[in-house]
Amino acid sequence: MFRRVLNALRSWPKHPIDQFYGIETSQKVLRSFLRTGDKEADAGNNGYAGSQPSIIRRALQALPPLNKAVFIDLGCGKGRVLAVATEFDFGEVIGIELSPTLCRSAQRNADRLAAGRPERTAIQVVLGDATRPKFPASGDVVLFLYNPFREPLVASLVKYLEQEIGDAREGSVFVVYYNPAGVAQFDASARFVRYFAERMDFAPDEPMNFDNNFDSVVIWQARGRNMAAPLPGADRWVEVRVPDSAAVVRDEPQPAHAAG
């Protein structure tokens, strides 16, 4: 069994973005290889698998105009999302990762990207707790999650953000949640409102992950001054098909039995 798992990891296809940028973000890492000794974090860890750049780009393109926003990837893994974020006009690009192993990988990839494209915003990789990100006191912020941890840790993150984001805060705050398995935690928060919800197909050259050729993204914005109007379909039903692992934005309205 163990040998089959290792062979499956070795055969994970090399993603075109790794070839394009000269980085390594393709190989999946099981959660059992990423233990940190923090009991709560290890229990809530979902392991590492790379997200699809086409989905990330389309999600970030859906955001309203922002003023040199700080981009923070919560649970940045090997840094694939950070590489894509440098394609946009962010003032800072930060990745937070609790696993020292993944943190080292992310830093190597950040260094390679900086060497090849020094004109872009430099990536900052931080070893730390992604449920408690250091939050700028003002200015626009985009938080990104690719389902990095399970629902108890999503709840901890939401509670922390509710405390950190005040009504009088200057600047917009958006949460971009790719594969939003913890959707209920953000939907239940009085601090956040839906801005965007969409199911998107992969680009033709992107390898399929787990036999699917699409992924889903939901974006929330924090309540505050000068909020952007929600995009059409922002209130679509998000069906959590596998708890903590898989969520899909559906075209139809949420059924009554799924509310709450």
Protein backbone atom coordinates (compact mmCIF):
# COMPACT_ATOMS: atom_id res chain seq x y z
CA MET A 1 0.00 0.00 0.00
CA PHE A 2 2.74 2.45 1.00
CA ARG A 3 4.67 1.70 -2.21
CA ARG A 4 1.55 2.37 -4.30
CA VAL A 5 1.10 5.74 -2.60
CA LEU A 6 4.73 6.71 -3.27
CA ASN A 7 4.45 5.65 -6.90
CA ALA A 8 1.30 7.73 -7.28
CA LEU A 9 3.08 10.77 -5.87
CA ARG A 10 6.05 10.32 -8.19
CA SER A 11 3.75 10.05 -11.21
CA TRP A 12 1.86 13.29 -10.49
CA PRO A 13 2.11 15.15 -13.82
CA LYS A 14 4.46 18.10 -14.16
CA HIS A 15 2.33 21.20 -14.55
CA PRO A 16 2.97 23.64 -17.42
CA ILE A 17 3.42 26.50 -14.94
CA ASP A 18 6.46 24.71 -13.49
CA GLN A 19 7.98 24.45 -16.95
CA PHE A 20 7.17 28.10 -17.68
CA TYR A 21 8.62 29.53 -14.47
CA GLY A 22 11.29 26.92 -13.73
CA ILE A 23 9.76 26.02 -10.36
CA GLU A 24 8.46 22.84 -8.73
CA THR A 25 4.89 22.91 -7.47
CA SER A 26 3.49 19.77 -9.10
CA GLN A 27 4.24 16.91 -6.76
CA LYS A 28 1.48 16.24 -4.24
CA VAL A 29 2.45 15.83 -0.56
CA LEU A 30 0.27 13.77 1.78
CA ARG A 31 -0.73 15.32 5.09
CA SER A 32 1.12 12.55 6.97
CA PHE A 33 4.42 13.94 5.64
CA LEU A 34 3.65 17.46 6.86
CA ARG A 35 3.26 17.00 10.58
CA THR A 36 4.49 19.93 12.65
CA GLY A 37 3.91 18.71 16.19
CA ASP A 38 1.01 21.14 16.66
CA LYS A 39 -1.85 18.74 17.48
CA GLU A 40 -4.65 21.04 16.28
CA ALA A 41 -2.82 22.05 13.10
CA ASP A 42 -1.87 18.48 12.22
CA ALA A 43 -5.45 17.30 12.71
CA GLY A 44 -6.73 20.06 10.43
CA ASN A 45 -4.05 19.78 7.73
CA ASN A 46 -5.29 18.79 4.25
CA GLY A 47 -1.88 18.04 2.74
CA TYR A 48 -0.53 19.69 -0.39
CA ALA A 49 -1.77 19.64 -3.97
CA GLY A 50 -1.32 22.43 -6.51
CA SER A 51 -4.25 24.51 -7.68
CA GLN A 52 -4.87 25.41 -11.32
CA PRO A 53 -3.39 28.73 -12.49
CA SER A 54 -6.26 29.38 -14.91
CA ILE A 55 -8.74 29.22 -12.02
CA ILE A 56 -6.59 31.49 -9.84
CA ARG A 57 -6.25 34.04 -12.64
CA ARG A 58 -9.98 34.12 -13.39
CA ALA A 59 -10.78 34.54 -9.69
CA LEU A 60 -8.31 37.40 -9.25
CA GLN A 61 -9.55 39.05 -12.45
CA ALA A 62 -13.07 39.04 -10.94
CA LEU A 63 -11.98 41.34 -8.12
CA PRO A 64 -12.88 45.03 -8.41
CA PRO A 65 -10.10 47.60 -8.94
CA LEU A 66 -7.88 47.69 -5.85
CA ASN A 67 -5.10 50.06 -4.83
CA LYS A 68 -1.82 48.09 -4.64
CA ALA A 69 -3.50 45.51 -2.42
CA VAL A 70 -1.55 43.20 -0.14
CA PHE A 71 -2.03 39.63 -1.34
CA ILE A 72 -1.75 36.92 1.34
CA ASP A 73 -1.95 33.21 0.54
CA LEU A 74 -3.03 31.35 3.67
CA GLY A 75 -1.34 27.97 3.62
CA CYS A 76 0.78 28.75 0.58
CA GLY A 77 2.24 25.26 0.13
CA LYS A 78 5.00 25.32 -2.47
CA GLY A 79 4.02 28.78 -3.71
CA ARG A 80 2.19 28.14 -7.00
CA VAL A 81 -0.53 30.68 -6.14
CA LEU A 82 2.16 33.20 -5.17
CA ALA A 83 3.78 32.82 -8.59
CA VAL A 84 0.45 33.57 -10.27
CA ALA A 85 -0.17 36.52 -7.94
CA THR A 86 3.03 38.19 -9.18
CA GLU A 87 1.36 38.47 -12.57
CA PHE A 88 -1.02 41.02 -11.01
CA ASP A 89 -0.49 44.54 -9.66
CA PHE A 90 -0.27 43.71 -5.96
CA GLY A 91 1.79 45.91 -3.66
CA GLU A 92 2.95 42.91 -1.64
CA VAL A 93 2.73 39.16 -2.25
CA ILE A 94 2.96 37.10 0.95
CA GLY A 95 2.63 33.39 1.61
CA ILE A 96 2.10 31.93 5.08
CA GLU A 97 2.84 28.25 5.64
CA LEU A 98 3.09 26.23 8.86
CA SER A 99 5.02 23.28 7.39
CA PRO A 100 8.79 23.94 7.36
CA THR A 101 9.12 21.48 4.47
CA LEU A 102 6.65 23.33 2.28
CA CYS A 103 7.97 26.68 3.44
CA ARG A 104 11.45 25.78 2.17
CA SER A 105 9.98 24.69 -1.16
CA ALA A 106 8.03 27.94 -1.46
CA GLN A 107 11.14 29.99 -0.72
CA ARG A 108 13.18 28.12 -3.35
CA ASN A 109 10.46 28.76 -5.90
CA ALA A 110 10.23 32.43 -4.88
CA ASP A 111 13.99 32.80 -5.34
CA ARG A 112 13.85 31.21 -8.80
CA LEU A 113 10.99 33.47 -9.85
CA ALA A 114 12.78 36.57 -8.55
CA ALA A 115 15.93 35.63 -10.46
CA GLY A 116 14.02 35.16 -13.70
CA ARG A 117 11.61 38.08 -13.33
CA PRO A 118 13.15 40.72 -11.07
CA GLU A 119 10.69 43.38 -12.27
CA ARG A 120 7.80 41.69 -10.45
CA THR A 121 6.69 42.17 -6.86
CA ALA A 122 8.97 40.07 -4.68
CA ILE A 123 7.38 37.11 -2.91
CA GLN A 124 7.64 36.98 0.88
CA VAL A 125 7.37 33.52 2.45
CA VAL A 126 6.51 33.41 6.15
CA LEU A 127 6.72 30.34 8.39
CA GLY A 128 3.69 30.66 10.63
CA ASP A 129 0.05 30.01 11.48
CA ALA A 130 -2.15 30.80 8.48
CA THR A 131 -5.25 31.04 10.70
CA ARG A 132 -3.77 34.15 12.33
CA PRO A 133 -2.18 36.20 9.55
CA LYS A 134 -0.52 39.50 10.41
CA PHE A 135 -3.12 41.92 9.13
CA PRO A 136 -2.31 45.36 7.66
CA ALA A 137 -3.94 48.14 9.68
CA SER A 138 -5.19 49.84 6.52
CA GLY A 139 -5.21 49.47 2.76
CA ASP A 140 -6.71 46.87 0.45
CA VAL A 141 -6.10 43.20 1.25
CA VAL A 142 -6.79 40.00 -0.69
CA LEU A 143 -6.69 36.77 1.32
CA PHE A 144 -6.45 33.53 -0.66
CA LEU A 145 -7.15 29.96 0.44
CA TYR A 146 -6.90 26.77 -1.57
CA ASN A 147 -8.68 24.59 1.00
CA PRO A 148 -5.51 24.40 3.14
CA PHE A 149 -7.14 23.07 6.29
CA ARG A 150 -10.28 21.50 7.67
CA GLU A 151 -13.40 23.18 9.02
CA PRO A 152 -12.32 23.65 12.67
CA LEU A 153 -9.33 25.70 11.48
CA VAL A 154 -11.50 27.59 8.98
CA ALA A 155 -13.72 28.52 11.94
CA SER A 156 -10.64 29.73 13.84
CA LEU A 157 -9.61 31.85 10.85
CA VAL A 158 -13.05 33.42 10.49
CA LYS A 159 -13.19 34.26 14.19
CA TYR A 160 -9.74 35.84 14.01
CA LEU A 161 -10.66 37.94 10.96
CA GLU A 162 -13.88 39.10 12.61
CA GLN A 163 -11.79 40.45 15.46
CA GLU A 164 -9.16 42.03 13.20
CA ILE A 165 -11.43 43.76 10.68
CA GLY A 166 -13.30 46.70 12.17
CA ASP A 167 -16.18 48.71 10.69
CA ALA A 168 -14.00 51.83 10.47
CA ARG A 169 -11.08 50.10 8.74
CA GLU A 170 -9.69 51.99 5.73
CA GLY A 171 -9.48 49.71 2.71
CA SER A 172 -11.27 46.71 1.26
CA VAL A 173 -10.79 43.10 2.36
CA PHE A 174 -11.60 40.20 0.03
CA VAL A 175 -11.35 36.47 0.75
CA VAL A 176 -10.81 34.28 -2.31
CA TYR A 177 -11.62 30.67 -1.37
CA TYR A 178 -10.70 28.06 -4.00
CA ASN A 179 -12.50 24.72 -3.41
CA PRO A 180 -14.50 26.32 -0.57
CA ALA A 181 -15.20 23.27 1.59
CA GLY A 182 -15.53 25.56 4.63
CA VAL A 183 -18.11 27.77 2.90
CA ALA A 184 -20.55 27.56 5.82
CA GLN A 185 -18.14 29.31 8.18
CA PHE A 186 -17.82 32.41 5.99
CA ASP A 187 -21.50 32.44 5.01
CA ALA A 188 -22.50 32.38 8.69
CA SER A 189 -20.25 35.31 9.58
CA ALA A 190 -21.85 38.72 9.98
CA ARG A 191 -18.53 40.28 8.93
CA PHE A 192 -18.50 38.87 5.38
CA VAL A 193 -20.85 38.98 2.39
CA ARG A 194 -20.66 37.09 -0.87
CA TYR A 195 -19.09 38.89 -3.84
CA PHE A 196 -18.56 36.09 -6.39
CA ALA A 197 -19.29 32.38 -6.86
CA GLU A 198 -18.38 30.40 -9.95
CA ARG A 199 -17.50 26.93 -11.22
CA MET A 200 -14.76 27.13 -13.85
CA ASP A 201 -13.23 24.68 -16.30
CA PHE A 202 -9.47 24.16 -16.41
CA ALA A 203 -7.44 25.53 -19.31
CA PRO A 204 -6.93 22.91 -22.08
CA ASP A 205 -3.24 22.38 -21.22
CA GLU A 206 -3.80 21.88 -17.49
CA PRO A 207 -3.67 18.30 -16.18
CA MET A 208 -6.74 17.05 -14.36
CA ASN A 209 -6.54 16.62 -10.59
CA PHE A 210 -8.56 13.82 -8.99
CA ASP A 211 -10.39 13.13 -12.29
CA ASN A 212 -12.15 16.50 -12.37
CA ASN A 213 -11.72 19.13 -15.10
CA PHE A 214 -13.18 22.07 -13.16
CA ASP A 215 -12.91 23.79 -9.80
CA SER A 216 -15.06 26.22 -7.82
CA VAL A 217 -14.26 29.56 -6.21
CA VAL A 218 -16.25 31.76 -3.84
CA ILE A 219 -15.16 35.29 -2.95
CA TRP A 220 -16.39 37.22 0.08
CA GLN A 221 -15.80 40.85 0.96
CA ALA A 222 -15.70 42.25 4.45
CA ARG A 223 -18.40 44.70 5.39
CA GLY A 224 -17.10 48.25 5.50
CA ARG A 225 -16.92 51.49 3.57
CA ASN A 226 -17.30 51.69 -0.21
CA MET A 227 -18.16 48.04 -0.76
CA ALA A 228 -18.30 46.67 -4.31
CA ALA A 229 -21.62 45.41 -5.63
CA PRO A 230 -21.82 41.59 -5.71
CA LEU A 231 -21.36 40.03 -9.14
CA PRO A 232 -24.25 38.10 -10.72
CA GLY A 233 -24.54 34.61 -9.26
CA ALA A 234 -22.68 35.44 -6.06
CA ASP A 235 -25.44 33.80 -4.02
CA ARG A 236 -25.29 30.44 -5.86
CA TRP A 237 -25.54 27.25 -3.85
CA VAL A 238 -22.19 25.75 -2.87
CA GLU A 239 -22.59 22.02 -2.39
CA VAL A 240 -19.99 20.42 -0.11
CA ARG A 241 -19.77 16.99 -1.71
CA VAL A 242 -17.00 15.64 0.52
CA PRO A 243 -16.64 17.27 3.96
CA ASP A 244 -13.34 19.19 4.28
CA SER A 245 -12.30 18.09 0.78
CA ALA A 246 -14.58 19.03 -2.10
CA ALA A 247 -17.11 21.78 -2.75
CA VAL A 248 -18.87 22.67 -6.00
CA VAL A 249 -20.72 25.84 -6.99
CA ARG A 250 -24.05 24.75 -8.47
CA ASP A 251 -26.10 26.65 -11.06
CA GLU A 252 -29.38 26.09 -9.26
CA PRO A 253 -30.49 27.91 -6.09
CA GLN A 254 -29.71 26.35 -2.75
CA PRO A 255 -32.46 23.87 -1.78
CA ALA A 256 -34.32 24.51 1.46
CA HIS A 257 -32.94 21.39 3.13
CA ALA A 258 -29.35 22.60 2.54
CA ALA A 259 -29.84 26.08 4.02
CA GLY A 260 -28.01 26.86 7.22
